[in-house]
Amino acid sequence: MPADITMPKLSDTMTEGRLVSWKKSVGDPVERGEIVAEVETDKAVMELEAFASGVLAEQRVKTGEMVAVGTVIGVIGAAGEFPSATQEEPKPAQQPVTEAAAAVMAGDVPERVMELPEKEAPAHAPPETEHGEGERAAPAVRRLARERGIDLSLVTGSGPGGRILLEDLERHPAEKPKPESTAAGGGGEGEPLSRMRSAIVRVTTRSWQTIPHFYETIEIAMEEAAEIVRELKGSGREVTYNDLVIKGAAMALTRYPKLNASLVDDRIVSHGQVNIGMAVAVDDGLLVPVVKGCQGLALKEIAIETQRLADKARSGRISEEDISGGTFTISNLGMFGIEEFAAVIFPPQAAILAVGSVAERPVVREGRVAAARTMRVTLSCDHRIVDGAYSARFLGEFRRILESPVLLLV
């Protein structure tokens, strides 16, 4: 019996995805669990597994096409079943399925970086029905044409029956929008937001508009921590300051669990696991992979996991599982020489810790000014969940752990 391959829903807010590549050709045998295709969300490229064995009988969506979640992109048939000489052409994308509100369970945070709704057509783009082009192009093609200001009636389609494909648009020059005048003068052509940047716009705007932030900053003596980093590097068990921060934060969060919680409706939901997200800079934005179960991981295990997740994030091969379930976030800009800063909370988490550089700074000891290696951190908190004194006690515990780093090795 034929089995459909559909565009999967890879995140709580995903409504569409792009087919990056087919890993199987029509007629190739397929085993259950094998990778048959790669699909792209606004965050990463993810592998799509087959849920049945047989033969790839159809490829209904071409490489590069954007289709709605639930759209059939291919078909797996029984062994011996092959497509007819005239393969069915790609079907238009179905309408996205309405999403039901999901309850937040312990350790499961449903919203991270989300997609924005489809952009409105520019004023200069012709209506898609004006030239009767709806039948010659899939919705994803028409949408891209609108964004680029391309009149589909002027495009020669290379698909079956003259159907216009995404690659046909790539060969067709886009119309340049007319510069809009601005009150400040010096207006010009703008750069459209990427999918990732659009997602960041939505999350940070929601955070800033709905979460009452307050901030607390402390300075931590890091001389003993620096010695731990040097000793472990010499022994071949390399760890970074960021690994120490994650482990220290996890230990402190077990004592101050309100900072490892979320506000859901009128309830504060505590999370059973300490799942710490770490902000990783990538091209055109950032990703926040999550180190899960930090409260039960040794320092070396955290170091291995952070390296694995950072490598996957920067290569664009991170999975939805890798970025799901964060309950607390750490953003470290110390490697860029930033001394201190304040970060925006990722909804619906209660807090985010901004970490500055470890550097030589003047300190006062026994009435005298001396140089010491220190690190400044700023905790951004949701005032609806915690108050200043509670957060201050958390930071005090965090400082105590990092200034006695042998605790991190237990």
Protein backbone atom coordinates (compact mmCIF):
# COMPACT_ATOMS: atom_id res chain seq x y z
CA MET A 1 0.00 0.00 0.00
CA PRO A 2 1.48 3.40 -0.95
CA ALA A 3 2.72 5.61 1.91
CA ASP A 4 2.74 9.40 1.62
CA ILE A 5 5.80 11.45 2.56
CA THR A 6 4.52 14.73 3.99
CA MET A 7 6.15 18.01 4.97
CA PRO A 8 6.55 17.49 8.74
CA LYS A 9 5.74 19.96 11.49
CA LEU A 10 9.20 20.43 13.03
CA SER A 11 8.28 23.06 15.62
CA ASP A 12 5.21 24.27 17.45
CA THR A 13 4.84 27.31 15.20
CA MET A 14 6.05 25.94 11.85
CA THR A 15 3.50 26.36 9.04
CA GLU A 16 5.68 25.69 5.98
CA GLY A 17 9.09 24.38 5.00
CA ARG A 18 11.43 24.31 2.02
CA LEU A 19 12.54 21.08 0.36
CA VAL A 20 16.34 21.36 0.30
CA SER A 21 17.18 18.09 -1.46
CA TRP A 22 16.04 14.57 -2.22
CA LYS A 23 18.36 11.86 -0.92
CA LYS A 24 16.58 9.17 -2.96
CA SER A 25 15.67 9.13 -6.65
CA VAL A 26 12.44 7.79 -8.12
CA GLY A 27 12.75 4.01 -8.29
CA ASP A 28 15.32 3.75 -5.48
CA PRO A 29 14.60 1.23 -2.70
CA VAL A 30 13.78 2.81 0.66
CA GLU A 31 14.04 1.25 4.11
CA ARG A 32 12.05 2.47 7.08
CA GLY A 33 14.21 4.97 9.01
CA GLU A 34 16.38 5.89 6.01
CA ILE A 35 16.89 9.56 5.16
CA VAL A 36 14.87 10.36 2.03
CA ALA A 37 15.07 14.16 1.97
CA GLU A 38 16.26 17.32 3.73
CA VAL A 39 13.88 20.13 4.67
CA GLU A 40 14.58 23.65 5.93
CA THR A 41 12.82 25.71 8.57
CA ASP A 42 13.76 29.25 9.59
CA LYS A 43 16.27 27.76 12.02
CA ALA A 44 18.02 24.80 10.45
CA VAL A 45 18.18 22.11 7.79
CA MET A 46 16.77 18.83 9.10
CA GLU A 47 16.78 15.28 7.76
CA LEU A 48 13.47 13.60 6.91
CA GLU A 49 13.19 9.88 7.65
CA ALA A 50 11.00 7.37 5.81
CA PHE A 51 8.18 5.85 7.86
CA ALA A 52 7.70 2.90 5.49
CA SER A 53 9.79 0.55 3.37
CA GLY A 54 9.41 0.10 -0.37
CA VAL A 55 10.39 2.11 -3.45
CA LEU A 56 10.31 5.87 -3.94
CA ALA A 57 7.48 6.04 -6.45
CA GLU A 58 6.93 9.81 -6.74
CA GLN A 59 8.60 13.13 -6.02
CA ARG A 60 5.75 15.63 -5.98
CA VAL A 61 7.79 18.64 -4.84
CA LYS A 62 10.94 19.91 -6.51
CA THR A 63 14.10 21.00 -4.77
CA GLY A 64 13.81 24.58 -3.53
CA GLU A 65 10.01 24.69 -3.29
CA MET A 66 8.30 26.01 -0.16
CA VAL A 67 5.20 24.05 0.84
CA ALA A 68 2.77 24.02 3.76
CA VAL A 69 3.04 21.58 6.65
CA GLY A 70 1.13 18.39 5.81
CA THR A 71 1.65 18.69 2.03
CA VAL A 72 2.44 15.37 0.35
CA ILE A 73 5.92 15.81 -1.14
CA GLY A 74 6.49 12.23 -2.27
CA VAL A 75 5.12 8.69 -2.24
CA ILE A 76 6.69 5.38 -1.23
CA GLY A 77 5.19 2.39 -3.07
CA ALA A 78 5.57 -1.34 -2.63
CA ALA A 79 8.58 -3.03 -4.22
CA GLY A 80 8.01 -3.28 -7.98
CA GLU A 81 5.79 -0.22 -8.14
CA PHE A 82 7.22 2.57 -10.28
CA PRO A 83 5.73 5.82 -11.53
CA SER A 84 4.24 6.07 -14.97
CA ALA A 85 6.18 7.72 -17.80
CA THR A 86 4.40 10.99 -17.11
CA GLN A 87 5.08 11.74 -13.47
CA GLU A 88 2.48 13.72 -11.62
CA GLU A 89 3.55 17.32 -11.49
CA PRO A 90 3.99 19.10 -8.15
CA LYS A 91 0.75 19.83 -6.40
CA PRO A 92 -0.03 23.26 -4.98
CA ALA A 93 0.64 23.67 -1.31
CA GLN A 94 -2.28 23.00 1.00
CA GLN A 95 -3.45 25.58 3.48
CA PRO A 96 -1.61 25.39 6.82
CA VAL A 97 -3.37 23.41 9.53
CA THR A 98 -4.69 25.53 12.39
CA GLU A 99 -2.54 25.00 15.49
CA ALA A 100 -4.08 24.09 18.85
CA ALA A 101 -2.70 25.71 21.94
CA ALA A 102 -0.27 23.33 23.67
CA ALA A 103 0.07 23.20 27.44
CA VAL A 104 3.51 23.88 28.86
CA MET A 105 4.76 20.75 30.63
CA ALA A 106 7.73 20.57 32.98
CA GLY A 107 10.89 21.07 30.99
CA ASP A 108 9.05 21.71 27.72
CA VAL A 109 9.06 25.33 26.55
CA PRO A 110 6.95 25.55 23.40
CA GLU A 111 8.08 28.85 21.95
CA ARG A 112 11.62 29.75 20.91
CA VAL A 113 12.40 31.36 17.57
CA MET A 114 9.22 31.49 15.50
CA GLU A 115 8.21 32.16 11.94
CA LEU A 116 6.42 35.29 10.88
CA PRO A 117 3.32 35.16 8.68
CA GLU A 118 3.74 35.55 4.94
CA LYS A 119 4.72 39.05 3.87
CA GLU A 120 2.20 41.21 2.11
CA ALA A 121 2.73 41.76 -1.57
CA PRO A 122 4.67 44.92 -2.44
CA ALA A 123 2.60 47.73 -3.89
CA HIS A 124 4.43 47.46 -7.23
CA ALA A 125 3.78 43.72 -7.68
CA PRO A 126 0.97 42.87 -10.14
CA PRO A 127 -2.04 40.92 -8.82
CA GLU A 128 -1.38 37.21 -9.36
CA THR A 129 -4.75 36.72 -11.06
CA GLU A 130 -4.31 39.62 -13.48
CA HIS A 131 -2.63 37.47 -16.12
CA GLY A 132 -4.17 34.15 -15.14
CA GLU A 133 -0.86 32.84 -13.83
CA GLY A 134 -2.35 30.95 -10.85
CA GLU A 135 -2.65 27.78 -12.89
CA ARG A 136 0.96 28.00 -14.15
CA ALA A 137 2.73 28.39 -10.80
CA ALA A 138 2.55 26.83 -7.36
CA PRO A 139 1.76 29.07 -4.36
CA ALA A 140 5.44 29.10 -3.30
CA VAL A 141 6.43 30.34 -6.77
CA ARG A 142 3.75 33.03 -6.80
CA ARG A 143 4.80 34.19 -3.34
CA LEU A 144 8.46 34.50 -4.35
CA ALA A 145 7.42 36.37 -7.50
CA ARG A 146 5.46 38.85 -5.39
CA GLU A 147 8.43 39.38 -3.06
CA ARG A 148 10.75 40.04 -5.99
CA GLY A 149 8.26 42.09 -7.97
CA ILE A 150 8.30 39.70 -10.95
CA ASP A 151 5.41 39.68 -13.42
CA LEU A 152 4.74 35.95 -14.01
CA SER A 153 3.22 36.68 -17.43
CA LEU A 154 6.75 37.61 -18.58
CA VAL A 155 8.34 34.39 -17.28
CA THR A 156 8.83 31.36 -19.52
CA GLY A 157 8.13 28.18 -17.56
CA SER A 158 10.37 25.15 -17.98
CA GLY A 159 8.10 22.69 -16.14
CA PRO A 160 5.47 20.34 -17.58
CA GLY A 161 2.97 22.22 -19.72
CA GLY A 162 4.94 25.44 -19.31
CA ARG A 163 4.57 25.42 -15.53
CA ILE A 164 6.76 28.08 -13.84
CA LEU A 165 9.31 26.66 -11.38
CA LEU A 166 11.44 28.35 -8.72
CA GLU A 167 14.53 28.01 -10.91
CA ASP A 168 12.73 29.96 -13.66
CA LEU A 169 12.43 32.90 -11.27
CA GLU A 170 16.13 32.66 -10.47
CA ARG A 171 16.89 33.24 -14.15
CA HIS A 172 14.47 36.16 -14.43
CA PRO A 173 15.62 39.62 -13.30
CA ALA A 174 13.59 41.07 -10.47
CA GLU A 175 12.04 44.51 -10.80
CA LYS A 176 13.77 47.05 -8.61
CA PRO A 177 11.33 48.78 -6.24
CA LYS A 178 11.21 52.51 -6.41
CA PRO A 179 12.99 54.15 -3.48
CA GLU A 180 10.55 55.59 -0.97
CA SER A 181 11.10 59.13 0.24
CA THR A 182 11.77 59.52 3.94
CA ALA A 183 11.24 62.41 6.26
CA ALA A 184 14.85 62.21 7.45
CA GLY A 185 16.18 62.29 3.89
CA GLY A 186 18.70 59.95 2.29
CA GLY A 187 16.16 57.14 1.72
CA GLY A 188 17.13 54.16 -0.43
CA GLU A 189 16.48 50.54 -1.15
CA GLY A 190 16.02 48.40 1.95
CA GLU A 191 17.19 44.87 2.58
CA PRO A 192 14.35 42.37 3.17
CA LEU A 193 14.43 40.42 6.42
CA SER A 194 15.63 36.85 6.23
CA ARG A 195 13.46 34.11 7.73
CA MET A 196 15.73 33.88 10.78
CA ARG A 197 15.87 37.65 11.28
CA SER A 198 12.07 37.84 10.95
CA ALA A 199 11.77 35.18 13.64
CA ILE A 200 14.11 37.10 15.93
CA VAL A 201 12.03 40.25 15.36
CA ARG A 202 8.90 38.46 16.49
CA VAL A 203 10.37 36.81 19.60
CA THR A 204 12.26 39.84 20.91
CA THR A 205 9.32 42.17 20.26
CA ARG A 206 7.00 39.87 22.14
CA SER A 207 9.49 39.62 25.01
CA TRP A 208 10.02 43.37 25.27
CA GLN A 209 6.31 44.20 25.06
CA THR A 210 4.99 41.54 27.45
CA ILE A 211 7.73 40.82 30.01
CA PRO A 212 8.57 43.42 32.69
CA HIS A 213 12.37 43.09 32.78
CA PHE A 214 14.64 44.09 35.64
CA TYR A 215 18.41 43.63 35.82
CA GLU A 216 21.05 42.78 38.41
CA THR A 217 24.83 42.79 37.83
CA ILE A 218 27.63 41.29 39.91
CA GLU A 219 31.41 40.89 39.49
CA ILE A 220 33.00 37.49 40.13
CA ALA A 221 36.61 36.73 40.95
CA MET A 222 37.78 34.24 38.32
CA GLU A 223 41.40 33.54 39.24
CA GLU A 224 40.72 30.06 40.62
CA ALA A 225 38.34 29.30 37.75
CA ALA A 226 41.04 30.34 35.28
CA GLU A 227 43.40 27.89 36.96
CA ILE A 228 40.85 25.09 36.55
CA VAL A 229 40.54 25.89 32.83
CA ARG A 230 44.36 25.83 32.43
CA GLU A 231 44.79 22.58 34.35
CA LEU A 232 42.08 20.73 32.47
CA LYS A 233 43.40 21.97 29.13
CA GLY A 234 46.84 20.61 30.03
CA SER A 235 45.35 17.22 30.89
CA GLY A 236 43.56 16.89 27.56
CA ARG A 237 40.09 17.42 29.12
CA GLU A 238 39.51 20.90 27.73
CA VAL A 239 36.71 23.04 29.14
CA THR A 240 35.87 26.69 28.59
CA TYR A 241 34.70 29.51 30.84
CA ASN A 242 31.29 29.06 29.26
CA ASP A 243 31.19 25.43 30.42
CA LEU A 244 31.97 26.58 33.97
CA VAL A 245 29.20 29.17 33.75
CA ILE A 246 26.64 26.60 32.54
CA LYS A 247 27.56 24.11 35.26
CA GLY A 248 27.58 26.83 37.94
CA ALA A 249 24.22 28.19 36.79
CA ALA A 250 22.70 24.70 36.83
CA MET A 251 23.86 24.15 40.41
CA ALA A 252 22.50 27.53 41.53
CA LEU A 253 19.17 26.97 39.74
CA THR A 254 18.54 23.79 41.72
CA ARG A 255 18.61 25.95 44.87
CA TYR A 256 16.57 28.80 43.32
CA PRO A 257 14.04 27.00 41.09
CA LYS A 258 11.77 30.02 40.46
CA LEU A 259 14.37 31.19 37.94
CA ASN A 260 13.93 27.83 36.19
CA ALA A 261 10.19 28.34 35.71
CA SER A 262 7.66 29.81 33.26
CA LEU A 263 4.53 31.92 33.62
CA VAL A 264 1.62 30.13 31.93
CA ASP A 265 -1.68 32.01 32.09
CA ASP A 266 -2.02 32.74 35.83
CA ARG A 267 0.27 29.96 37.03
CA ILE A 268 4.01 29.68 37.62
CA VAL A 269 5.08 26.32 36.19
CA SER A 270 8.30 24.90 37.64
CA HIS A 271 10.41 22.68 35.39
CA GLY A 272 11.75 19.40 36.67
CA GLN A 273 14.83 19.55 34.45
CA VAL A 274 17.44 22.31 34.22
CA ASN A 275 17.74 22.73 30.44
CA ILE A 276 20.11 25.59 29.69
CA GLY A 277 20.06 27.23 26.28
CA MET A 278 23.27 28.84 25.04
CA ALA A 279 23.06 31.60 22.45
CA VAL A 280 25.27 30.80 19.43
CA ALA A 281 25.97 33.46 16.80
CA VAL A 282 25.39 32.28 13.22
CA ASP A 283 25.10 34.06 9.87
CA ASP A 284 22.29 36.65 10.01
CA GLY A 285 21.25 35.87 13.57
CA LEU A 286 21.56 33.40 16.40
CA LEU A 287 20.40 29.97 17.46
CA VAL A 288 19.89 28.74 21.01
CA PRO A 289 20.74 25.03 21.31
CA VAL A 290 19.85 23.50 24.66
CA VAL A 291 22.01 21.42 27.01
CA LYS A 292 19.39 19.21 28.65
CA GLY A 293 19.47 17.84 32.18
CA CYS A 294 22.38 20.05 33.24
CA GLN A 295 21.69 19.37 36.91
CA GLY A 296 22.85 15.77 36.42
CA LEU A 297 25.81 16.32 34.07
CA ALA A 298 29.47 16.44 35.06
CA LEU A 299 31.53 19.41 33.89
CA LYS A 300 33.28 17.34 31.20
CA GLU A 301 29.92 16.06 29.91
CA ILE A 302 28.69 19.65 29.62
CA ALA A 303 31.90 20.58 27.73
CA ILE A 304 31.37 17.76 25.22
CA GLU A 305 27.71 18.66 24.70
CA THR A 306 28.31 22.40 24.26
CA GLN A 307 30.97 21.73 21.61
CA ARG A 308 28.67 19.31 19.75
CA LEU A 309 25.74 21.72 19.77
CA ALA A 310 27.82 24.76 18.78
CA ASP A 311 29.32 22.87 15.82
CA LYS A 312 25.86 21.76 14.64
CA ALA A 313 24.44 25.28 15.01
CA ARG A 314 27.22 26.91 12.98
CA SER A 315 27.04 24.26 10.25
CA GLY A 316 23.26 24.72 9.88
CA ARG A 317 22.61 21.06 10.69
CA ILE A 318 21.03 21.47 14.09
CA SER A 319 17.80 19.54 14.75
CA GLU A 320 14.54 20.64 16.34
CA GLU A 321 15.34 18.39 19.30
CA ASP A 322 18.60 20.30 19.84
CA ILE A 323 16.81 23.64 20.23
CA SER A 324 13.74 22.49 22.16
CA GLY A 325 12.88 22.55 25.84
CA GLY A 326 15.06 25.36 27.19
CA THR A 327 14.18 26.54 30.71
CA PHE A 328 16.97 29.13 31.25
CA THR A 329 19.35 30.84 28.82
CA ILE A 330 22.95 32.04 28.91
CA SER A 331 24.29 34.59 26.41
CA ASN A 332 28.08 34.94 26.49
CA LEU A 333 29.77 37.77 24.60
CA GLY A 334 33.00 37.63 26.58
CA MET A 335 34.93 36.20 23.64
CA PHE A 336 34.22 39.47 21.79
CA GLY A 337 35.71 41.59 24.56
CA ILE A 338 32.32 42.80 25.84
CA GLU A 339 32.69 43.63 29.53
CA GLU A 340 29.00 43.59 30.45
CA PHE A 341 25.58 43.83 28.81
CA ALA A 342 21.92 43.02 29.41
CA ALA A 343 20.07 40.39 27.35
CA VAL A 344 16.41 40.03 26.36
CA ILE A 345 14.52 37.14 27.97
CA PHE A 346 13.36 34.29 25.71
CA PRO A 347 9.61 33.80 26.38
CA PRO A 348 8.28 32.07 28.39
CA GLN A 349 11.45 31.64 30.46
CA ALA A 350 11.91 33.54 33.72
CA ALA A 351 15.45 34.83 33.15
CA ILE A 352 18.56 35.04 30.98
CA LEU A 353 22.16 35.46 32.15
CA ALA A 354 24.41 37.79 30.12
CA VAL A 355 28.12 36.96 30.55
CA GLY A 356 30.96 39.39 29.88
CA SER A 357 34.68 38.87 29.39
CA VAL A 358 37.15 37.46 31.91
CA ALA A 359 39.77 40.21 32.19
CA GLU A 360 42.26 41.95 34.48
CA ARG A 361 40.46 44.72 36.39
CA PRO A 362 41.26 46.95 39.37
CA VAL A 363 39.87 45.71 42.69
CA VAL A 364 40.23 46.93 46.26
CA ARG A 365 41.78 44.46 48.72
CA GLU A 366 42.50 45.42 52.30
CA GLY A 367 42.26 49.08 51.38
CA ARG A 368 44.63 48.82 48.43
CA VAL A 369 43.98 48.78 44.70
CA ALA A 370 45.20 45.63 42.99
CA ALA A 371 44.71 43.88 39.66
CA ALA A 372 42.52 40.78 39.57
CA ARG A 373 40.95 38.56 36.93
CA THR A 374 37.19 39.06 37.13
CA MET A 375 34.00 38.49 35.14
CA ARG A 376 30.80 40.55 35.19
CA VAL A 377 27.41 38.96 34.66
CA THR A 378 23.96 40.54 34.39
CA LEU A 379 20.76 38.64 35.14
CA SER A 380 17.63 39.80 33.28
CA CYS A 381 14.53 38.69 35.21
CA ASP A 382 10.77 38.53 34.64
CA HIS A 383 9.37 40.59 37.53
CA ARG A 384 6.08 38.70 37.30
CA ILE A 385 7.85 35.52 38.44
CA VAL A 386 10.67 36.65 40.74
CA ASP A 387 11.63 39.69 42.79
CA GLY A 388 14.96 41.43 43.25
CA ALA A 389 15.96 39.82 46.55
CA TYR A 390 15.36 36.30 45.24
CA SER A 391 17.42 36.98 42.11
CA ALA A 392 20.17 38.55 44.20
CA ARG A 393 20.41 35.40 46.32
CA PHE A 394 20.68 33.32 43.15
CA LEU A 395 23.53 35.50 41.90
CA GLY A 396 25.24 35.24 45.27
CA GLU A 397 25.11 31.44 45.09
CA PHE A 398 26.32 31.50 41.48
CA ARG A 399 29.28 33.69 42.49
CA ARG A 400 30.11 31.43 45.45
CA ILE A 401 30.28 28.39 43.15
CA LEU A 402 32.48 30.03 40.52
CA GLU A 403 34.83 31.52 43.11
CA SER A 404 35.24 28.02 44.62
CA PRO A 405 35.35 26.08 41.34
CA VAL A 406 36.33 22.81 42.99
CA LEU A 407 32.57 22.54 43.60
CA LEU A 408 32.13 22.23 39.83
CA LEU A 409 34.31 19.11 39.76
CA VAL A 410 32.37 17.17 42.39
